[in-house]
Amino acid sequence: MVMTSEPTGNPPGATRPAESLTHLDHRFREFLAGLPDDRPPWFCFFSSGLLHVVHHFLRFVPEPLNCVFVCSALSAEEIALRDRMSGGLPVFDMDDRVGSHEIFELLLRNTDRPF
């Protein structure tokens, strides 16, 4: 029987899978530093093929909300559409096609304030 010391069930000394998107950490921190700091950012994640939701979403976003888009693998047409619809809200674009779990890891690893 192998004794484990980690809740993952891995034996002591086993390597964990690499965290996602660490290659974006520096660029993401620079992006975060440019956001207003008078209120917490409210991050909205969208990936390619889901921008039909943006139009409806933006109808319900109150103006004082510090809304920030984090977008994954959008085409040039989707980027242009998002930018037209959002009216200049801050955006962090990435080429990587990822899901919400990876985005949550990116946020937890890099934010220094509530979100």
N, C-alpha and C. Protein backbone atom coordinates (compact mmCIF):
# COMPACT_ATOMS: atom_id res chain seq x y z
N MET A 1 0.84 -1.18 0.00
CA MET A 1 0.00 0.00 0.00
C MET A 1 0.89 1.24 0.00
N VAL A 2 0.58 2.20 -0.86
CA VAL A 2 1.34 3.44 -0.95
C VAL A 2 0.67 4.48 -0.07
N MET A 3 1.45 5.10 0.78
CA MET A 3 0.92 6.16 1.64
C MET A 3 0.96 7.47 0.86
N THR A 4 -0.08 8.26 0.98
CA THR A 4 -0.12 9.55 0.31
C THR A 4 -0.15 10.66 1.33
N SER A 5 0.37 11.80 0.93
CA SER A 5 0.35 12.96 1.81
C SER A 5 -0.42 14.11 1.18
N GLU A 6 -0.90 13.89 -0.02
CA GLU A 6 -1.63 14.94 -0.72
C GLU A 6 -3.05 14.46 -0.99
N PRO A 7 -4.00 15.39 -0.95
CA PRO A 7 -5.39 15.00 -1.20
C PRO A 7 -5.63 14.50 -2.61
N THR A 8 -4.68 14.69 -3.50
CA THR A 8 -4.85 14.23 -4.88
C THR A 8 -4.69 12.73 -4.99
N GLY A 9 -4.15 12.10 -3.96
CA GLY A 9 -3.91 10.68 -4.03
C GLY A 9 -2.56 10.34 -4.63
N ASN A 10 -1.78 11.35 -4.98
CA ASN A 10 -0.45 11.12 -5.52
C ASN A 10 0.51 10.73 -4.40
N PRO A 11 1.43 9.84 -4.67
CA PRO A 11 2.43 9.51 -3.66
C PRO A 11 3.32 10.72 -3.38
N PRO A 12 3.92 10.78 -2.19
CA PRO A 12 4.82 11.90 -1.88
C PRO A 12 5.91 12.01 -2.94
N GLY A 13 6.18 13.26 -3.35
CA GLY A 13 7.22 13.50 -4.35
C GLY A 13 6.73 13.45 -5.78
N ALA A 14 5.53 13.00 -6.01
CA ALA A 14 5.00 12.96 -7.38
C ALA A 14 4.77 14.39 -7.86
N THR A 15 5.02 14.62 -9.13
CA THR A 15 4.80 15.96 -9.66
C THR A 15 3.34 16.15 -10.00
N ARG A 16 2.88 17.35 -9.81
CA ARG A 16 1.50 17.70 -10.15
C ARG A 16 1.45 18.12 -11.61
N PRO A 17 0.28 18.01 -12.21
CA PRO A 17 0.16 18.52 -13.58
C PRO A 17 0.45 20.02 -13.61
N ALA A 18 1.04 20.49 -14.67
CA ALA A 18 1.37 21.91 -14.78
C ALA A 18 0.09 22.75 -14.76
N GLU A 19 0.18 23.90 -14.12
CA GLU A 19 -0.95 24.81 -14.11
C GLU A 19 -1.12 25.41 -15.50
N SER A 20 -2.34 25.70 -15.84
CA SER A 20 -2.65 26.24 -17.16
C SER A 20 -2.32 27.73 -17.25
N LEU A 21 -1.93 28.15 -18.41
CA LEU A 21 -1.78 29.55 -18.78
C LEU A 21 -0.70 30.31 -18.02
N THR A 22 0.25 29.63 -17.40
CA THR A 22 1.29 30.35 -16.66
C THR A 22 2.12 31.24 -17.60
N HIS A 23 2.18 30.90 -18.88
CA HIS A 23 2.92 31.73 -19.83
C HIS A 23 2.27 33.10 -20.03
N LEU A 24 1.03 33.28 -19.55
CA LEU A 24 0.34 34.56 -19.67
C LEU A 24 0.37 35.39 -18.39
N ASP A 25 0.94 34.84 -17.33
CA ASP A 25 0.89 35.52 -16.03
C ASP A 25 1.44 36.95 -16.08
N HIS A 26 2.62 37.14 -16.65
CA HIS A 26 3.23 38.47 -16.66
C HIS A 26 2.36 39.47 -17.43
N ARG A 27 1.94 39.08 -18.62
CA ARG A 27 1.09 39.96 -19.44
C ARG A 27 -0.24 40.26 -18.75
N PHE A 28 -0.80 39.25 -18.08
CA PHE A 28 -2.08 39.45 -17.38
C PHE A 28 -1.90 40.40 -16.19
N ARG A 29 -0.80 40.27 -15.45
CA ARG A 29 -0.55 41.18 -14.32
C ARG A 29 -0.38 42.62 -14.80
N GLU A 30 0.29 42.80 -15.93
CA GLU A 30 0.43 44.15 -16.50
C GLU A 30 -0.94 44.71 -16.89
N PHE A 31 -1.78 43.86 -17.47
CA PHE A 31 -3.14 44.27 -17.82
C PHE A 31 -3.92 44.67 -16.56
N LEU A 32 -3.84 43.86 -15.51
CA LEU A 32 -4.55 44.15 -14.26
C LEU A 32 -4.09 45.47 -13.65
N ALA A 33 -2.82 45.77 -13.75
CA ALA A 33 -2.28 47.02 -13.18
C ALA A 33 -2.89 48.25 -13.85
N GLY A 34 -3.37 48.12 -15.06
CA GLY A 34 -3.97 49.24 -15.78
C GLY A 34 -5.46 49.41 -15.54
N LEU A 35 -6.07 48.51 -14.77
CA LEU A 35 -7.51 48.61 -14.50
C LEU A 35 -7.77 49.60 -13.37
N PRO A 36 -8.94 50.24 -13.37
CA PRO A 36 -9.27 51.12 -12.25
C PRO A 36 -9.25 50.34 -10.94
N ASP A 37 -8.76 50.95 -9.89
CA ASP A 37 -8.68 50.23 -8.61
C ASP A 37 -9.64 50.79 -7.56
N ASP A 38 -10.61 51.61 -8.01
CA ASP A 38 -11.57 52.17 -7.07
C ASP A 38 -12.73 51.22 -6.76
N ARG A 39 -12.82 50.13 -7.50
CA ARG A 39 -13.84 49.10 -7.26
C ARG A 39 -13.33 47.78 -7.83
N PRO A 40 -13.79 46.67 -7.29
CA PRO A 40 -13.28 45.37 -7.76
C PRO A 40 -13.67 45.11 -9.22
N PRO A 41 -12.79 44.47 -9.96
CA PRO A 41 -13.15 44.10 -11.33
C PRO A 41 -14.16 42.95 -11.31
N TRP A 42 -15.03 42.95 -12.28
CA TRP A 42 -16.02 41.88 -12.46
C TRP A 42 -15.68 41.22 -13.79
N PHE A 43 -15.01 40.07 -13.72
CA PHE A 43 -14.49 39.41 -14.92
C PHE A 43 -15.58 38.59 -15.61
N CYS A 44 -15.65 38.73 -16.93
CA CYS A 44 -16.59 37.98 -17.76
C CYS A 44 -15.79 37.23 -18.80
N PHE A 45 -15.91 35.92 -18.79
CA PHE A 45 -15.15 35.08 -19.72
C PHE A 45 -16.02 34.66 -20.89
N PHE A 46 -15.48 34.86 -22.10
CA PHE A 46 -16.14 34.41 -23.31
C PHE A 46 -15.12 33.74 -24.21
N SER A 47 -15.53 32.67 -24.86
CA SER A 47 -14.66 32.02 -25.83
C SER A 47 -15.34 32.03 -27.19
N SER A 48 -14.61 31.66 -28.20
CA SER A 48 -15.12 31.67 -29.56
C SER A 48 -16.42 30.88 -29.65
N GLY A 49 -17.37 31.45 -30.38
CA GLY A 49 -18.64 30.78 -30.57
C GLY A 49 -19.70 31.16 -29.54
N LEU A 50 -19.31 31.94 -28.53
CA LEU A 50 -20.27 32.29 -27.47
C LEU A 50 -20.60 33.78 -27.43
N LEU A 51 -20.18 34.52 -28.42
CA LEU A 51 -20.39 35.96 -28.37
C LEU A 51 -21.84 36.37 -28.55
N HIS A 52 -22.70 35.47 -28.98
CA HIS A 52 -24.12 35.82 -29.07
C HIS A 52 -24.67 36.18 -27.68
N VAL A 53 -24.00 35.72 -26.64
CA VAL A 53 -24.42 36.00 -25.27
C VAL A 53 -24.04 37.42 -24.86
N VAL A 54 -22.98 37.97 -25.44
CA VAL A 54 -22.48 39.28 -25.04
C VAL A 54 -23.55 40.35 -25.21
N HIS A 55 -24.23 40.34 -26.33
CA HIS A 55 -25.26 41.36 -26.59
C HIS A 55 -26.31 41.38 -25.48
N HIS A 56 -26.79 40.22 -25.11
CA HIS A 56 -27.80 40.14 -24.05
C HIS A 56 -27.20 40.48 -22.69
N PHE A 57 -25.99 40.01 -22.43
CA PHE A 57 -25.31 40.28 -21.17
C PHE A 57 -25.14 41.77 -20.94
N LEU A 58 -24.69 42.49 -21.96
CA LEU A 58 -24.39 43.91 -21.82
C LEU A 58 -25.64 44.75 -21.53
N ARG A 59 -26.79 44.26 -21.88
CA ARG A 59 -28.03 44.99 -21.58
C ARG A 59 -28.28 45.08 -20.08
N PHE A 60 -27.70 44.20 -19.30
CA PHE A 60 -27.98 44.14 -17.87
C PHE A 60 -26.80 44.59 -17.00
N VAL A 61 -25.72 45.05 -17.61
CA VAL A 61 -24.55 45.47 -16.84
C VAL A 61 -24.73 46.93 -16.44
N PRO A 62 -24.81 47.20 -15.13
CA PRO A 62 -24.92 48.60 -14.70
C PRO A 62 -23.63 49.37 -15.02
N GLU A 63 -23.78 50.62 -15.39
CA GLU A 63 -22.63 51.40 -15.82
C GLU A 63 -21.49 51.48 -14.80
N PRO A 64 -21.76 51.63 -13.52
CA PRO A 64 -20.63 51.75 -12.58
C PRO A 64 -19.87 50.44 -12.34
N LEU A 65 -20.38 49.33 -12.86
CA LEU A 65 -19.70 48.05 -12.67
C LEU A 65 -18.37 48.05 -13.44
N ASN A 66 -17.33 47.60 -12.78
CA ASN A 66 -15.99 47.53 -13.39
C ASN A 66 -15.89 46.21 -14.16
N CYS A 67 -16.57 46.14 -15.28
CA CYS A 67 -16.65 44.91 -16.08
C CYS A 67 -15.42 44.77 -16.96
N VAL A 68 -14.83 43.58 -16.95
CA VAL A 68 -13.62 43.28 -17.71
C VAL A 68 -13.85 41.96 -18.46
N PHE A 69 -13.61 41.97 -19.76
CA PHE A 69 -13.72 40.75 -20.55
C PHE A 69 -12.39 40.01 -20.58
N VAL A 70 -12.46 38.70 -20.41
CA VAL A 70 -11.34 37.80 -20.65
C VAL A 70 -11.82 36.87 -21.75
N CYS A 71 -11.14 36.89 -22.89
CA CYS A 71 -11.63 36.17 -24.06
C CYS A 71 -10.59 35.19 -24.58
N SER A 72 -11.10 34.03 -25.03
CA SER A 72 -10.27 32.93 -25.46
C SER A 72 -10.54 32.57 -26.91
N ALA A 73 -9.48 32.61 -27.71
CA ALA A 73 -9.49 32.10 -29.09
C ALA A 73 -10.57 32.72 -29.97
N LEU A 74 -10.76 34.04 -29.87
CA LEU A 74 -11.73 34.70 -30.73
C LEU A 74 -11.14 34.95 -32.10
N SER A 75 -11.98 34.87 -33.11
CA SER A 75 -11.55 35.21 -34.47
C SER A 75 -11.51 36.74 -34.59
N ALA A 76 -10.89 37.23 -35.65
CA ALA A 76 -10.81 38.68 -35.87
C ALA A 76 -12.22 39.28 -35.98
N GLU A 77 -13.13 38.56 -36.61
CA GLU A 77 -14.51 39.05 -36.74
C GLU A 77 -15.20 39.12 -35.37
N GLU A 78 -14.97 38.12 -34.54
CA GLU A 78 -15.57 38.12 -33.21
C GLU A 78 -14.99 39.23 -32.34
N ILE A 79 -13.70 39.48 -32.48
CA ILE A 79 -13.08 40.58 -31.72
C ILE A 79 -13.69 41.91 -32.12
N ALA A 80 -13.85 42.14 -33.42
CA ALA A 80 -14.43 43.39 -33.90
C ALA A 80 -15.87 43.54 -33.41
N LEU A 81 -16.64 42.47 -33.46
CA LEU A 81 -18.02 42.51 -32.98
C LEU A 81 -18.08 42.79 -31.48
N ARG A 82 -17.25 42.11 -30.71
CA ARG A 82 -17.22 42.33 -29.27
C ARG A 82 -16.87 43.78 -28.95
N ASP A 83 -15.87 44.32 -29.64
CA ASP A 83 -15.44 45.69 -29.39
C ASP A 83 -16.54 46.70 -29.74
N ARG A 84 -17.27 46.44 -30.82
CA ARG A 84 -18.39 47.33 -31.17
C ARG A 84 -19.49 47.26 -30.12
N MET A 85 -19.81 46.07 -29.67
CA MET A 85 -20.91 45.91 -28.70
C MET A 85 -20.54 46.40 -27.31
N SER A 86 -19.28 46.26 -26.90
CA SER A 86 -18.90 46.54 -25.52
C SER A 86 -18.62 48.00 -25.24
N GLY A 87 -18.45 48.79 -26.28
CA GLY A 87 -18.23 50.22 -26.06
C GLY A 87 -16.91 50.54 -25.38
N GLY A 88 -15.90 49.72 -25.58
CA GLY A 88 -14.58 50.03 -25.04
C GLY A 88 -14.27 49.48 -23.65
N LEU A 89 -15.03 48.50 -23.18
CA LEU A 89 -14.70 47.88 -21.90
C LEU A 89 -13.32 47.23 -21.97
N PRO A 90 -12.60 47.17 -20.85
CA PRO A 90 -11.28 46.53 -20.88
C PRO A 90 -11.38 45.06 -21.29
N VAL A 91 -10.38 44.61 -22.05
CA VAL A 91 -10.39 43.24 -22.58
C VAL A 91 -8.98 42.64 -22.48
N PHE A 92 -8.93 41.39 -22.02
CA PHE A 92 -7.70 40.62 -22.08
C PHE A 92 -7.97 39.46 -23.04
N ASP A 93 -7.34 39.52 -24.22
CA ASP A 93 -7.50 38.47 -25.23
C ASP A 93 -6.34 37.48 -25.15
N MET A 94 -6.67 36.21 -25.38
CA MET A 94 -5.63 35.19 -25.47
C MET A 94 -5.94 34.29 -26.64
N ASP A 95 -4.87 33.79 -27.26
CA ASP A 95 -5.02 32.87 -28.39
C ASP A 95 -5.40 31.48 -27.93
N ASP A 96 -5.00 31.13 -26.70
CA ASP A 96 -5.26 29.79 -26.17
C ASP A 96 -6.76 29.52 -26.10
N ARG A 97 -7.16 28.33 -26.50
CA ARG A 97 -8.57 27.92 -26.36
C ARG A 97 -8.68 27.17 -25.03
N VAL A 98 -9.32 27.82 -24.07
CA VAL A 98 -9.41 27.25 -22.72
C VAL A 98 -10.84 27.37 -22.21
N GLY A 99 -11.09 26.76 -21.07
CA GLY A 99 -12.39 26.82 -20.44
C GLY A 99 -12.35 27.64 -19.16
N SER A 100 -13.46 27.66 -18.48
CA SER A 100 -13.59 28.49 -17.28
C SER A 100 -12.67 28.05 -16.15
N HIS A 101 -12.34 26.77 -16.06
CA HIS A 101 -11.44 26.31 -14.99
C HIS A 101 -10.06 26.94 -15.14
N GLU A 102 -9.54 26.98 -16.35
CA GLU A 102 -8.24 27.58 -16.58
C GLU A 102 -8.26 29.08 -16.30
N ILE A 103 -9.36 29.74 -16.66
CA ILE A 103 -9.48 31.18 -16.41
C ILE A 103 -9.52 31.44 -14.91
N PHE A 104 -10.25 30.61 -14.18
CA PHE A 104 -10.32 30.78 -12.73
C PHE A 104 -8.94 30.61 -12.11
N GLU A 105 -8.16 29.64 -12.58
CA GLU A 105 -6.79 29.47 -12.08
C GLU A 105 -5.95 30.72 -12.38
N LEU A 106 -6.08 31.26 -13.58
CA LEU A 106 -5.35 32.47 -13.96
C LEU A 106 -5.71 33.62 -13.03
N LEU A 107 -6.99 33.80 -12.76
CA LEU A 107 -7.44 34.87 -11.87
C LEU A 107 -6.93 34.68 -10.45
N LEU A 108 -7.08 33.49 -9.92
CA LEU A 108 -6.63 33.22 -8.55
C LEU A 108 -5.13 33.42 -8.38
N ARG A 109 -4.39 33.04 -9.38
CA ARG A 109 -2.93 33.11 -9.31
C ARG A 109 -2.42 34.55 -9.43
N ASN A 110 -3.17 35.42 -10.09
CA ASN A 110 -2.63 36.73 -10.45
C ASN A 110 -3.33 37.94 -9.83
N THR A 111 -4.52 37.80 -9.34
CA THR A 111 -5.20 38.97 -8.78
C THR A 111 -4.80 39.19 -7.33
N ASP A 112 -4.70 40.44 -6.97
CA ASP A 112 -4.33 40.80 -5.61
C ASP A 112 -5.46 41.56 -4.89
N ARG A 113 -6.66 41.46 -5.45
CA ARG A 113 -7.84 42.12 -4.86
C ARG A 113 -9.07 41.28 -5.14
N PRO A 114 -10.14 41.54 -4.42
CA PRO A 114 -11.37 40.76 -4.68
C PRO A 114 -11.84 40.92 -6.12
N PHE A 115 -12.51 39.92 -6.60
CA PHE A 115 -13.11 40.01 -7.94
C PHE A 115 -14.40 39.24 -7.96
